[in-house]
Amino acid sequence: MTETLVKHAADATGPTGTGLRIGTAAYMATEQALCLPVTPAADAFALGDESYEFDLRAGEVVPAETSSWYPARCGNAFVPPEDADAFVAAGYVLGPADRERGLATEPVTDLPFEDLADGRPFCVRSPGRRETVIVRLVHAEAEEGPVTVVLSRCTRRG
């Protein structure tokens, strides 16, 4: 769930260099360079961009370089971290036994938004297998737009 946010124009930490000017190729968003339809996120490239992730352990959006456990977003799907396990519930209830059975027998490597429609829950287990987060997708904008989710966190004791 990478969010690209526009920094304040007065922030001097943006990508600058000798001879670079706003409007040159160095400041083009990928979609601009490829002549694709431009989204509002392209504006971030003119002022400097900063990546954020939704850290499942922290339960909040944090700068990408500080996030320890997060699902990535690739188009219209979440992609769990490689060293984590994920499972999508068959129905709308995801109890402890269902989570463990699903993670053991039906793990998934991607979580397409259409499979998560109407609040269908999925879970992601941390790399150390001590924490599991149950996630319900509430709303997702197309492609790289914002995503709204509801989380419940479970911690294994012992």
N, C-alpha and C. Protein backbone atom coordinates (compact mmCIF):
# COMPACT_ATOMS: atom_id res chain seq x y z
N MET A 1 0.84 -1.16 0.00
CA MET A 1 0.00 0.00 0.00
C MET A 1 0.89 1.23 0.00
N THR A 2 1.53 1.40 -1.05
CA THR A 2 2.42 2.55 -1.13
C THR A 2 1.63 3.79 -1.47
N GLU A 3 1.80 4.80 -0.70
CA GLU A 3 1.16 6.08 -0.95
C GLU A 3 2.25 7.06 -1.35
N THR A 4 2.06 7.79 -2.42
CA THR A 4 3.00 8.83 -2.80
C THR A 4 2.37 10.15 -2.41
N LEU A 5 3.03 10.88 -1.55
CA LEU A 5 2.49 12.12 -1.02
C LEU A 5 3.35 13.29 -1.48
N VAL A 6 2.71 14.42 -1.72
CA VAL A 6 3.42 15.62 -2.15
C VAL A 6 4.03 16.31 -0.94
N LYS A 7 5.31 16.58 -1.03
CA LYS A 7 5.97 17.33 0.04
C LYS A 7 5.58 18.79 -0.08
N HIS A 8 5.81 19.55 0.96
CA HIS A 8 5.55 20.99 0.91
C HIS A 8 6.52 21.62 -0.09
N ALA A 9 6.02 22.54 -0.89
CA ALA A 9 6.86 23.18 -1.91
C ALA A 9 8.08 23.86 -1.30
N ALA A 10 7.97 24.32 -0.06
CA ALA A 10 9.09 25.01 0.57
C ALA A 10 10.16 24.06 1.09
N ASP A 11 9.88 22.77 1.11
CA ASP A 11 10.83 21.78 1.61
C ASP A 11 12.01 21.70 0.66
N ALA A 12 13.18 22.01 1.13
CA ALA A 12 14.37 22.04 0.27
C ALA A 12 15.00 20.67 0.09
N THR A 13 14.39 19.60 0.61
CA THR A 13 15.00 18.28 0.50
C THR A 13 14.56 17.53 -0.75
N GLY A 14 13.83 18.16 -1.65
CA GLY A 14 13.39 17.50 -2.87
C GLY A 14 14.55 17.16 -3.79
N PRO A 15 14.29 16.39 -4.86
CA PRO A 15 15.37 15.98 -5.76
C PRO A 15 15.82 17.15 -6.62
N THR A 16 16.92 17.76 -6.26
CA THR A 16 17.45 18.88 -7.03
C THR A 16 18.87 18.56 -7.44
N GLY A 17 19.34 19.24 -8.41
CA GLY A 17 20.72 19.06 -8.85
C GLY A 17 21.08 20.16 -9.82
N THR A 18 22.36 20.34 -10.04
CA THR A 18 22.83 21.38 -10.94
C THR A 18 22.27 21.15 -12.34
N GLY A 19 21.67 22.17 -12.89
CA GLY A 19 21.16 22.10 -14.25
C GLY A 19 19.79 21.47 -14.40
N LEU A 20 19.18 20.97 -13.32
CA LEU A 20 17.84 20.37 -13.43
C LEU A 20 16.79 21.45 -13.27
N ARG A 21 15.73 21.34 -14.05
CA ARG A 21 14.63 22.29 -13.96
C ARG A 21 13.32 21.51 -13.91
N ILE A 22 12.37 22.03 -13.15
CA ILE A 22 11.06 21.40 -13.13
C ILE A 22 10.52 21.42 -14.55
N GLY A 23 9.98 20.30 -14.99
CA GLY A 23 9.47 20.19 -16.35
C GLY A 23 10.40 19.39 -17.25
N THR A 24 11.63 19.11 -16.77
CA THR A 24 12.54 18.29 -17.56
C THR A 24 12.26 16.82 -17.28
N ALA A 25 12.87 15.95 -18.07
CA ALA A 25 12.63 14.51 -17.93
C ALA A 25 12.97 13.98 -16.55
N ALA A 26 13.91 14.61 -15.86
CA ALA A 26 14.28 14.16 -14.52
C ALA A 26 13.11 14.23 -13.55
N TYR A 27 12.11 15.06 -13.86
CA TYR A 27 10.97 15.23 -12.97
C TYR A 27 9.70 14.57 -13.51
N MET A 28 9.82 13.78 -14.56
CA MET A 28 8.62 13.16 -15.16
C MET A 28 8.20 11.93 -14.38
N ALA A 29 6.91 11.80 -14.18
CA ALA A 29 6.36 10.57 -13.61
C ALA A 29 6.43 9.49 -14.69
N THR A 30 6.42 8.24 -14.27
CA THR A 30 6.51 7.13 -15.22
C THR A 30 5.44 7.22 -16.29
N GLU A 31 4.19 7.53 -15.87
CA GLU A 31 3.11 7.58 -16.87
C GLU A 31 3.30 8.71 -17.87
N GLN A 32 3.94 9.79 -17.44
CA GLN A 32 4.23 10.88 -18.38
C GLN A 32 5.29 10.45 -19.39
N ALA A 33 6.33 9.80 -18.91
CA ALA A 33 7.42 9.37 -19.78
C ALA A 33 6.96 8.33 -20.80
N LEU A 34 5.97 7.52 -20.42
CA LEU A 34 5.46 6.47 -21.31
C LEU A 34 4.24 6.92 -22.10
N CYS A 35 3.88 8.19 -22.01
CA CYS A 35 2.71 8.75 -22.71
C CYS A 35 1.42 8.02 -22.35
N LEU A 36 1.29 7.66 -21.08
CA LEU A 36 0.07 7.02 -20.58
C LEU A 36 -0.81 8.08 -19.93
N PRO A 37 -2.08 7.76 -19.64
CA PRO A 37 -2.93 8.73 -18.93
C PRO A 37 -2.28 9.12 -17.60
N VAL A 38 -2.31 10.39 -17.29
CA VAL A 38 -1.65 10.91 -16.10
C VAL A 38 -2.63 10.98 -14.94
N THR A 39 -2.19 10.53 -13.77
CA THR A 39 -3.00 10.57 -12.56
C THR A 39 -2.52 11.73 -11.68
N PRO A 40 -3.30 12.10 -10.66
CA PRO A 40 -2.85 13.17 -9.76
C PRO A 40 -1.52 12.86 -9.07
N ALA A 41 -1.19 11.58 -8.94
CA ALA A 41 0.07 11.22 -8.29
C ALA A 41 1.27 11.74 -9.06
N ALA A 42 1.11 12.02 -10.35
CA ALA A 42 2.22 12.53 -11.15
C ALA A 42 2.71 13.88 -10.63
N ASP A 43 1.85 14.64 -9.98
CA ASP A 43 2.25 15.94 -9.44
C ASP A 43 3.35 15.81 -8.40
N ALA A 44 3.40 14.67 -7.72
CA ALA A 44 4.41 14.48 -6.68
C ALA A 44 5.82 14.53 -7.26
N PHE A 45 5.98 14.13 -8.50
CA PHE A 45 7.30 14.11 -9.10
C PHE A 45 7.84 15.51 -9.35
N ALA A 46 6.98 16.50 -9.48
CA ALA A 46 7.44 17.86 -9.73
C ALA A 46 7.99 18.50 -8.46
N LEU A 47 7.53 18.07 -7.31
CA LEU A 47 7.94 18.68 -6.04
C LEU A 47 8.84 17.77 -5.22
N GLY A 48 9.00 16.55 -5.62
CA GLY A 48 9.72 15.56 -4.83
C GLY A 48 8.71 14.59 -4.27
N ASP A 49 9.05 13.31 -4.19
CA ASP A 49 8.08 12.36 -3.68
C ASP A 49 8.66 11.59 -2.50
N GLU A 50 7.76 11.10 -1.68
CA GLU A 50 8.13 10.36 -0.50
C GLU A 50 7.22 9.15 -0.44
N SER A 51 7.77 7.96 -0.23
CA SER A 51 6.97 6.74 -0.21
C SER A 51 6.60 6.38 1.22
N TYR A 52 5.38 5.89 1.37
CA TYR A 52 4.87 5.45 2.66
C TYR A 52 4.28 4.06 2.51
N GLU A 53 4.29 3.29 3.58
CA GLU A 53 3.68 1.96 3.62
C GLU A 53 2.77 1.90 4.85
N PHE A 54 1.76 1.03 4.77
CA PHE A 54 0.93 0.78 5.95
C PHE A 54 1.57 -0.37 6.69
N ASP A 55 2.20 -0.08 7.80
CA ASP A 55 2.90 -1.09 8.60
C ASP A 55 1.86 -1.86 9.41
N LEU A 56 1.76 -3.17 9.16
CA LEU A 56 0.76 -3.99 9.86
C LEU A 56 1.06 -4.10 11.34
N ARG A 57 2.32 -4.15 11.71
CA ARG A 57 2.68 -4.26 13.13
C ARG A 57 2.36 -2.96 13.87
N ALA A 58 2.71 -1.83 13.27
CA ALA A 58 2.46 -0.53 13.92
C ALA A 58 1.00 -0.12 13.82
N GLY A 59 0.29 -0.62 12.80
CA GLY A 59 -1.11 -0.25 12.61
C GLY A 59 -1.29 1.16 12.09
N GLU A 60 -0.28 1.68 11.40
CA GLU A 60 -0.36 3.03 10.88
C GLU A 60 0.54 3.20 9.66
N VAL A 61 0.34 4.31 8.96
CA VAL A 61 1.17 4.63 7.80
C VAL A 61 2.49 5.21 8.31
N VAL A 62 3.59 4.67 7.79
CA VAL A 62 4.92 5.12 8.20
C VAL A 62 5.78 5.31 6.95
N PRO A 63 6.87 6.07 7.05
CA PRO A 63 7.78 6.17 5.90
C PRO A 63 8.24 4.78 5.47
N ALA A 64 8.30 4.53 4.16
CA ALA A 64 8.58 3.20 3.63
C ALA A 64 9.85 2.58 4.21
N GLU A 65 10.88 3.38 4.41
CA GLU A 65 12.14 2.82 4.88
C GLU A 65 12.09 2.37 6.34
N THR A 66 11.05 2.74 7.09
CA THR A 66 10.94 2.34 8.49
C THR A 66 9.93 1.22 8.71
N SER A 67 9.19 0.84 7.68
CA SER A 67 8.16 -0.18 7.82
C SER A 67 8.79 -1.56 7.97
N SER A 68 8.27 -2.35 8.90
CA SER A 68 8.84 -3.68 9.14
C SER A 68 7.99 -4.81 8.56
N TRP A 69 6.70 -4.56 8.34
CA TRP A 69 5.83 -5.65 7.90
C TRP A 69 4.64 -5.03 7.20
N TYR A 70 4.58 -5.15 5.90
CA TYR A 70 3.51 -4.51 5.14
C TYR A 70 3.21 -5.29 3.87
N PRO A 71 1.95 -5.24 3.40
CA PRO A 71 1.64 -5.79 2.08
C PRO A 71 1.87 -4.69 1.04
N ALA A 72 2.47 -5.05 -0.07
CA ALA A 72 2.65 -4.09 -1.15
C ALA A 72 1.37 -4.01 -1.96
N ARG A 73 1.24 -2.97 -2.74
CA ARG A 73 0.11 -2.86 -3.66
C ARG A 73 0.67 -2.90 -5.07
N CYS A 74 0.12 -3.78 -5.88
CA CYS A 74 0.53 -3.89 -7.27
C CYS A 74 -0.75 -3.78 -8.11
N GLY A 75 -1.01 -2.60 -8.65
CA GLY A 75 -2.23 -2.39 -9.42
C GLY A 75 -3.45 -2.54 -8.55
N ASN A 76 -4.28 -3.54 -8.83
CA ASN A 76 -5.51 -3.77 -8.07
C ASN A 76 -5.41 -5.02 -7.22
N ALA A 77 -4.29 -5.17 -6.53
CA ALA A 77 -4.09 -6.31 -5.64
C ALA A 77 -3.08 -5.94 -4.56
N PHE A 78 -3.21 -6.60 -3.40
CA PHE A 78 -2.17 -6.55 -2.39
C PHE A 78 -1.23 -7.71 -2.67
N VAL A 79 0.03 -7.54 -2.35
CA VAL A 79 1.02 -8.61 -2.46
C VAL A 79 1.68 -8.73 -1.10
N PRO A 80 1.46 -9.86 -0.41
CA PRO A 80 2.05 -10.01 0.92
C PRO A 80 3.58 -10.07 0.83
N PRO A 81 4.28 -9.73 1.91
CA PRO A 81 5.73 -9.87 1.91
C PRO A 81 6.12 -11.33 1.62
N GLU A 82 7.26 -11.53 0.97
CA GLU A 82 7.68 -12.88 0.59
C GLU A 82 7.82 -13.81 1.79
N ASP A 83 8.24 -13.30 2.93
CA ASP A 83 8.47 -14.15 4.09
C ASP A 83 7.27 -14.22 5.03
N ALA A 84 6.11 -13.79 4.56
CA ALA A 84 4.87 -13.86 5.35
C ALA A 84 3.89 -14.81 4.65
N ASP A 85 2.89 -15.25 5.37
CA ASP A 85 1.85 -16.12 4.82
C ASP A 85 0.55 -15.34 4.74
N ALA A 86 -0.29 -15.67 3.74
CA ALA A 86 -1.59 -15.00 3.60
C ALA A 86 -2.64 -16.02 3.19
N PHE A 87 -3.89 -15.72 3.54
CA PHE A 87 -5.03 -16.59 3.24
C PHE A 87 -6.28 -15.73 3.11
N VAL A 88 -7.12 -16.05 2.12
CA VAL A 88 -8.40 -15.35 1.93
C VAL A 88 -9.52 -16.28 2.38
N ALA A 89 -10.39 -15.79 3.25
CA ALA A 89 -11.50 -16.59 3.76
C ALA A 89 -12.50 -16.90 2.66
N ALA A 90 -13.13 -18.07 2.77
CA ALA A 90 -14.16 -18.45 1.80
C ALA A 90 -15.44 -17.66 2.04
N GLY A 91 -15.71 -17.32 3.30
CA GLY A 91 -16.91 -16.56 3.64
C GLY A 91 -16.54 -15.24 4.29
N TYR A 92 -17.41 -14.78 5.18
CA TYR A 92 -17.19 -13.48 5.80
C TYR A 92 -16.77 -13.57 7.26
N VAL A 93 -16.52 -14.79 7.75
CA VAL A 93 -16.06 -14.99 9.11
C VAL A 93 -14.70 -15.68 9.03
N LEU A 94 -13.77 -15.24 9.85
CA LEU A 94 -12.42 -15.81 9.83
C LEU A 94 -11.97 -16.02 11.27
N GLY A 95 -12.35 -17.18 11.83
CA GLY A 95 -11.99 -17.51 13.21
C GLY A 95 -10.59 -18.07 13.30
N PRO A 96 -10.10 -18.27 14.54
CA PRO A 96 -8.73 -18.77 14.74
C PRO A 96 -8.46 -20.10 14.04
N ALA A 97 -9.37 -21.05 14.15
CA ALA A 97 -9.16 -22.35 13.49
C ALA A 97 -9.14 -22.21 11.98
N ASP A 98 -10.03 -21.36 11.44
CA ASP A 98 -10.06 -21.12 9.99
C ASP A 98 -8.75 -20.49 9.51
N ARG A 99 -8.23 -19.56 10.29
CA ARG A 99 -6.97 -18.90 9.91
C ARG A 99 -5.84 -19.91 9.83
N GLU A 100 -5.67 -20.70 10.87
CA GLU A 100 -4.57 -21.66 10.91
C GLU A 100 -4.70 -22.70 9.80
N ARG A 101 -5.90 -23.22 9.60
CA ARG A 101 -6.13 -24.22 8.55
C ARG A 101 -5.88 -23.61 7.17
N GLY A 102 -6.41 -22.41 6.94
CA GLY A 102 -6.23 -21.76 5.64
C GLY A 102 -4.79 -21.42 5.34
N LEU A 103 -4.07 -20.90 6.34
CA LEU A 103 -2.66 -20.58 6.13
C LEU A 103 -1.84 -21.82 5.84
N ALA A 104 -2.23 -22.95 6.45
CA ALA A 104 -1.49 -24.21 6.25
C ALA A 104 -1.84 -24.88 4.93
N THR A 105 -3.10 -24.79 4.50
CA THR A 105 -3.53 -25.57 3.33
C THR A 105 -3.85 -24.76 2.08
N GLU A 106 -4.16 -23.46 2.23
CA GLU A 106 -4.55 -22.64 1.07
C GLU A 106 -3.87 -21.27 1.07
N PRO A 107 -2.54 -21.24 1.24
CA PRO A 107 -1.87 -19.93 1.25
C PRO A 107 -1.94 -19.28 -0.13
N VAL A 108 -1.93 -17.96 -0.15
CA VAL A 108 -1.96 -17.22 -1.42
C VAL A 108 -0.74 -16.30 -1.50
N THR A 109 -0.37 -15.97 -2.73
CA THR A 109 0.77 -15.08 -2.93
C THR A 109 0.35 -13.70 -3.41
N ASP A 110 -0.92 -13.56 -3.81
CA ASP A 110 -1.44 -12.24 -4.13
C ASP A 110 -2.89 -12.17 -3.70
N LEU A 111 -3.37 -10.96 -3.48
CA LEU A 111 -4.70 -10.73 -2.94
C LEU A 111 -5.44 -9.74 -3.84
N PRO A 112 -6.00 -10.22 -4.97
CA PRO A 112 -6.72 -9.32 -5.88
C PRO A 112 -7.92 -8.68 -5.19
N PHE A 113 -8.10 -7.38 -5.42
CA PHE A 113 -9.18 -6.66 -4.76
C PHE A 113 -10.55 -7.26 -5.09
N GLU A 114 -10.74 -7.80 -6.29
CA GLU A 114 -12.05 -8.38 -6.61
C GLU A 114 -12.35 -9.60 -5.73
N ASP A 115 -11.31 -10.31 -5.25
CA ASP A 115 -11.52 -11.43 -4.33
C ASP A 115 -11.84 -10.95 -2.92
N LEU A 116 -11.58 -9.68 -2.65
CA LEU A 116 -11.77 -9.12 -1.31
C LEU A 116 -12.97 -8.19 -1.23
N ALA A 117 -13.81 -8.22 -2.25
CA ALA A 117 -14.96 -7.31 -2.32
C ALA A 117 -15.92 -7.54 -1.16
N ASP A 118 -16.68 -6.51 -0.85
CA ASP A 118 -17.72 -6.57 0.18
C ASP A 118 -17.20 -6.95 1.56
N GLY A 119 -15.98 -6.59 1.88
CA GLY A 119 -15.46 -6.83 3.22
C GLY A 119 -15.05 -8.26 3.51
N ARG A 120 -14.84 -9.06 2.48
CA ARG A 120 -14.39 -10.45 2.69
C ARG A 120 -13.01 -10.42 3.34
N PRO A 121 -12.84 -11.09 4.48
CA PRO A 121 -11.58 -10.97 5.22
C PRO A 121 -10.45 -11.82 4.64
N PHE A 122 -9.25 -11.33 4.86
CA PHE A 122 -8.06 -12.14 4.59
C PHE A 122 -7.12 -11.93 5.76
N CYS A 123 -6.16 -12.83 5.91
CA CYS A 123 -5.21 -12.68 6.99
C CYS A 123 -3.79 -12.77 6.44
N VAL A 124 -2.90 -12.10 7.15
CA VAL A 124 -1.48 -12.12 6.83
C VAL A 124 -0.75 -12.45 8.12
N ARG A 125 0.08 -13.51 8.07
CA ARG A 125 0.84 -13.91 9.26
C ARG A 125 2.27 -13.40 9.12
N SER A 126 2.79 -12.87 10.20
CA SER A 126 4.13 -12.28 10.19
C SER A 126 5.19 -13.33 9.90
N PRO A 127 6.36 -12.88 9.44
CA PRO A 127 7.44 -13.81 9.14
C PRO A 127 7.81 -14.70 10.32
N GLY A 128 7.76 -14.20 11.54
CA GLY A 128 8.07 -15.00 12.71
C GLY A 128 6.92 -15.89 13.17
N ARG A 129 5.78 -15.80 12.50
CA ARG A 129 4.57 -16.58 12.78
C ARG A 129 3.98 -16.33 14.16
N ARG A 130 4.33 -15.21 14.78
CA ARG A 130 3.79 -14.91 16.10
C ARG A 130 2.60 -13.97 16.04
N GLU A 131 2.46 -13.25 14.94
CA GLU A 131 1.36 -12.30 14.80
C GLU A 131 0.59 -12.57 13.52
N THR A 132 -0.71 -12.40 13.60
CA THR A 132 -1.56 -12.50 12.42
C THR A 132 -2.47 -11.29 12.41
N VAL A 133 -2.61 -10.69 11.25
CA VAL A 133 -3.50 -9.55 11.09
C VAL A 133 -4.64 -9.98 10.19
N ILE A 134 -5.87 -9.72 10.64
CA ILE A 134 -7.05 -9.96 9.81
C ILE A 134 -7.40 -8.62 9.18
N VAL A 135 -7.56 -8.61 7.88
CA VAL A 135 -7.79 -7.38 7.14
C VAL A 135 -9.07 -7.49 6.34
N ARG A 136 -9.84 -6.42 6.34
CA ARG A 136 -11.03 -6.31 5.48
C ARG A 136 -10.84 -5.07 4.62
N LEU A 137 -10.95 -5.26 3.32
CA LEU A 137 -10.85 -4.14 2.39
C LEU A 137 -12.18 -3.41 2.40
N VAL A 138 -12.16 -2.14 2.73
CA VAL A 138 -13.37 -1.32 2.76
C VAL A 138 -13.57 -0.64 1.41
N HIS A 139 -12.49 -0.04 0.89
CA HIS A 139 -12.57 0.68 -0.38
C HIS A 139 -11.18 0.79 -0.99
N ALA A 140 -11.11 0.67 -2.30
CA ALA A 140 -9.85 0.85 -3.01
C ALA A 140 -10.10 1.64 -4.27
N GLU A 141 -9.35 2.72 -4.43
CA GLU A 141 -9.39 3.48 -5.68
C GLU A 141 -8.67 2.66 -6.74
N ALA A 142 -8.98 2.92 -7.99
CA ALA A 142 -8.35 2.20 -9.09
C ALA A 142 -6.85 2.41 -9.11
N GLU A 143 -6.16 1.40 -9.59
CA GLU A 143 -4.70 1.41 -9.76
C GLU A 143 -3.97 1.80 -8.49
N GLU A 144 -3.28 2.91 -8.47
CA GLU A 144 -2.44 3.26 -7.33
C GLU A 144 -3.09 4.25 -6.36
N GLY A 145 -4.41 4.41 -6.42
CA GLY A 145 -5.10 5.34 -5.54
C GLY A 145 -5.14 4.85 -4.10
N PRO A 146 -5.76 5.63 -3.20
CA PRO A 146 -5.82 5.26 -1.79
C PRO A 146 -6.65 4.01 -1.53
N VAL A 147 -6.33 3.35 -0.43
CA VAL A 147 -7.00 2.13 -0.01
C VAL A 147 -7.44 2.32 1.44
N THR A 148 -8.66 1.87 1.77
CA THR A 148 -9.15 1.91 3.15
C THR A 148 -9.36 0.47 3.61
N VAL A 149 -8.78 0.12 4.76
CA VAL A 149 -8.90 -1.23 5.31
C VAL A 149 -9.25 -1.14 6.79
N VAL A 150 -9.76 -2.26 7.33
CA VAL A 150 -10.00 -2.41 8.76
C VAL A 150 -9.13 -3.57 9.22
N LEU A 151 -8.42 -3.40 10.33
CA LEU A 151 -7.50 -4.42 10.82
C LEU A 151 -7.89 -4.94 12.19
N SER A 152 -7.64 -6.23 12.42
CA SER A 152 -7.69 -6.84 13.74
C SER A 152 -6.38 -7.60 13.89
N ARG A 153 -5.71 -7.43 15.00
CA ARG A 153 -4.41 -8.09 15.18
C ARG A 153 -4.50 -9.16 16.25
N CYS A 154 -3.92 -10.32 15.96
CA CYS A 154 -3.89 -11.44 16.89
C CYS A 154 -2.43 -11.78 17.16
N THR A 155 -2.08 -12.00 18.42
CA THR A 155 -0.72 -12.36 18.79
C THR A 155 -0.73 -13.72 19.44
N ARG A 156 0.17 -14.59 18.98
CA ARG A 156 0.29 -15.93 19.57
C ARG A 156 1.13 -15.82 20.83
N ARG A 157 0.66 -16.40 21.91
CA ARG A 157 1.39 -16.35 23.17
C ARG A 157 2.25 -17.59 23.32
N GLY A 158 3.32 -17.43 24.10
CA GLY A 158 4.16 -18.59 24.41
C GLY A 158 5.41 -18.67 23.62
